[in-house]
Amino acid sequence: MTQAENYEILFDGGNRDQARQLAENMSVWTEQDWENEVTIFGFEDGSAIFTSGAEFRQATADEIAAAK
């Protein structure tokens, strides 16, 4: 499992604050799109979390590529 998968499972399991905090603290890069209110947290293993409002999920390969 990737880091993003683990954080998404944690979030979906009801531990939303912990998942958000871990994503922020464990990320090695962050991309913020202020206009669209999107933040992407990238991790050492190449996975990433996409957040926007209440949405918290694994970022797609296209979203990761666009963020770098």
C-alpha atoms as a PDB file:
ATOM      1  CA  MET A   1       0.000   0.000   0.000  1.00  0.00           C
ATOM      2  CA  THR A   2       1.106   3.528  -0.683  1.00  0.00           C
ATOM      3  CA  GLN A   3       1.167   6.301   1.887  1.00  0.00           C
ATOM      4  CA  ALA A   4      -1.755   7.972   0.121  1.00  0.00           C
ATOM      5  CA  GLU A   5      -3.809   4.761   0.284  1.00  0.00           C
ATOM      6  CA  ASN A   6      -3.132   4.463   4.020  1.00  0.00           C
ATOM      7  CA  TYR A   7      -4.166   8.062   4.706  1.00  0.00           C
ATOM      8  CA  GLU A   8      -7.294   7.712   2.569  1.00  0.00           C
ATOM      9  CA  ILE A   9      -8.309   4.558   4.481  1.00  0.00           C
ATOM     10  CA  LEU A  10      -7.687   6.353   7.769  1.00  0.00           C
ATOM     11  CA  PHE A  11      -9.812   9.292   6.584  1.00  0.00           C
ATOM     12  CA  ASP A  12     -12.630   7.057   5.315  1.00  0.00           C
ATOM     13  CA  GLY A  13     -12.551   5.159   8.609  1.00  0.00           C
ATOM     14  CA  GLY A  14     -13.515   8.300  10.497  1.00  0.00           C
ATOM     15  CA  ASN A  15     -10.107   9.537  11.610  1.00  0.00           C
ATOM     16  CA  ARG A  16     -10.306  12.627   9.421  1.00  0.00           C
ATOM     17  CA  ASP A  17      -8.247  15.034  11.527  1.00  0.00           C
ATOM     18  CA  GLN A  18      -5.476  12.487  12.006  1.00  0.00           C
ATOM     19  CA  ALA A  19      -5.376  11.666   8.277  1.00  0.00           C
ATOM     20  CA  ARG A  20      -5.186  15.348   7.317  1.00  0.00           C
ATOM     21  CA  GLN A  21      -2.450  16.004   9.876  1.00  0.00           C
ATOM     22  CA  LEU A  22      -0.397  13.002   8.754  1.00  0.00           C
ATOM     23  CA  ALA A  23      -0.733  13.979   5.089  1.00  0.00           C
ATOM     24  CA  GLU A  24       0.493  17.473   5.868  1.00  0.00           C
ATOM     25  CA  ASN A  25       3.329  16.394   8.172  1.00  0.00           C
ATOM     26  CA  MET A  26       4.602  13.467   6.090  1.00  0.00           C
ATOM     27  CA  SER A  27       4.501  15.151   2.676  1.00  0.00           C
ATOM     28  CA  VAL A  28       7.777  15.860   0.890  1.00  0.00           C
ATOM     29  CA  TRP A  29       6.128  18.366  -1.451  1.00  0.00           C
ATOM     30  CA  THR A  30       2.926  20.373  -1.482  1.00  0.00           C
ATOM     31  CA  GLU A  31       1.130  22.064  -4.360  1.00  0.00           C
ATOM     32  CA  GLN A  32      -1.593  24.609  -3.652  1.00  0.00           C
ATOM     33  CA  ASP A  33      -4.045  25.954  -6.196  1.00  0.00           C
ATOM     34  CA  TRP A  34      -5.585  28.872  -4.344  1.00  0.00           C
ATOM     35  CA  GLU A  35      -8.006  29.729  -7.149  1.00  0.00           C
ATOM     36  CA  ASN A  36      -9.612  26.263  -7.132  1.00  0.00           C
ATOM     37  CA  GLU A  37      -9.051  25.684  -3.382  1.00  0.00           C
ATOM     38  CA  VAL A  38      -7.057  22.488  -3.977  1.00  0.00           C
ATOM     39  CA  THR A  39      -4.023  21.187  -2.093  1.00  0.00           C
ATOM     40  CA  ILE A  40      -2.016  18.140  -3.131  1.00  0.00           C
ATOM     41  CA  PHE A  41       0.370  16.514  -0.658  1.00  0.00           C
ATOM     42  CA  GLY A  42       3.091  14.353  -2.241  1.00  0.00           C
ATOM     43  CA  PHE A  43       4.980  11.572  -0.478  1.00  0.00           C
ATOM     44  CA  GLU A  44       8.346   9.822  -0.794  1.00  0.00           C
ATOM     45  CA  ASP A  45       6.812   6.768  -2.456  1.00  0.00           C
ATOM     46  CA  GLY A  46       5.434   8.857  -5.343  1.00  0.00           C
ATOM     47  CA  SER A  47       1.825   8.783  -4.173  1.00  0.00           C
ATOM     48  CA  ALA A  48      -0.159  11.894  -3.269  1.00  0.00           C
ATOM     49  CA  ILE A  49      -3.330  13.036  -1.539  1.00  0.00           C
ATOM     50  CA  PHE A  50      -5.740  15.451  -3.223  1.00  0.00           C
ATOM     51  CA  THR A  51      -7.743  17.690  -0.880  1.00  0.00           C
ATOM     52  CA  SER A  52     -10.430  20.206  -1.721  1.00  0.00           C
ATOM     53  CA  GLY A  53     -13.009  21.205   0.857  1.00  0.00           C
ATOM     54  CA  ALA A  54     -14.376  17.979   2.329  1.00  0.00           C
ATOM     55  CA  GLU A  55     -12.790  15.878  -0.442  1.00  0.00           C
ATOM     56  CA  PHE A  56      -9.769  13.812   0.639  1.00  0.00           C
ATOM     57  CA  ARG A  57      -8.582  11.112  -1.763  1.00  0.00           C
ATOM     58  CA  GLN A  58      -5.604   9.726  -3.635  1.00  0.00           C
ATOM     59  CA  ALA A  59      -4.433  12.046  -6.373  1.00  0.00           C
ATOM     60  CA  THR A  60      -4.537  10.700  -9.913  1.00  0.00           C
ATOM     61  CA  ALA A  61      -1.356  10.304 -11.959  1.00  0.00           C
ATOM     62  CA  ASP A  62      -2.423  13.309 -14.065  1.00  0.00           C
ATOM     63  CA  GLU A  63      -2.947  15.458 -10.962  1.00  0.00           C
ATOM     64  CA  ILE A  64       0.471  14.488  -9.630  1.00  0.00           C
ATOM     65  CA  ALA A  65       2.170  15.221 -12.971  1.00  0.00           C
ATOM     66  CA  ALA A  66       0.459  18.624 -13.226  1.00  0.00           C
ATOM     67  CA  ALA A  67       1.527  19.527  -9.696  1.00  0.00           C
ATOM     68  CA  LYS A  68       5.229  18.882 -10.229  1.00  0.00           C
END
